[in-house]
Amino acid sequence: EANGEADMRADASADKRAAREDLAAAKSSLDSLRAELDGERANAQKAERARAEVNGRLFQLTAEADGLRRRLVSAKEECEAQRRSAEAARCLAKTAKKEEAPLREELAAVKENAEELVAE
């Protein structure tokens, strides 16, 4: 019976050692998993910061593009207004040129009459 108790104590001691070893291995695995989790959290934070930076830059570029579109529309409108103004000026110049010939003829006649009057 004493041998039986000694065997039981030896078995219990071996079980206790095995349990301690299992516990130590579990703690080591847990520490390793915690370190890995911390690394993944750090990577996730870096990715979130990068995403926020990209979103901020995208917002900025979108605003710049909108501003450029507005400027382009305004420039096109100004160009069209200048084209219409130039066309109107060409039409006025043509009209003035058509009206110029009879006025020159009248001026020449008036000069001739003046010269005749001066000569008399």
Foldseek 3Di string as FASTA:
>chain_A
DVVVVVVVVVVVVVVVVVVVVVVVVVVVVVVVVVVVVVVVVVVVVVVVVVVVVVVVVVVVVVVVVVVVVVVVVVVVVVVVVVVVVVVVVVVVVVVVVVVVVVVVVVVVVVVVVVVVVVVD
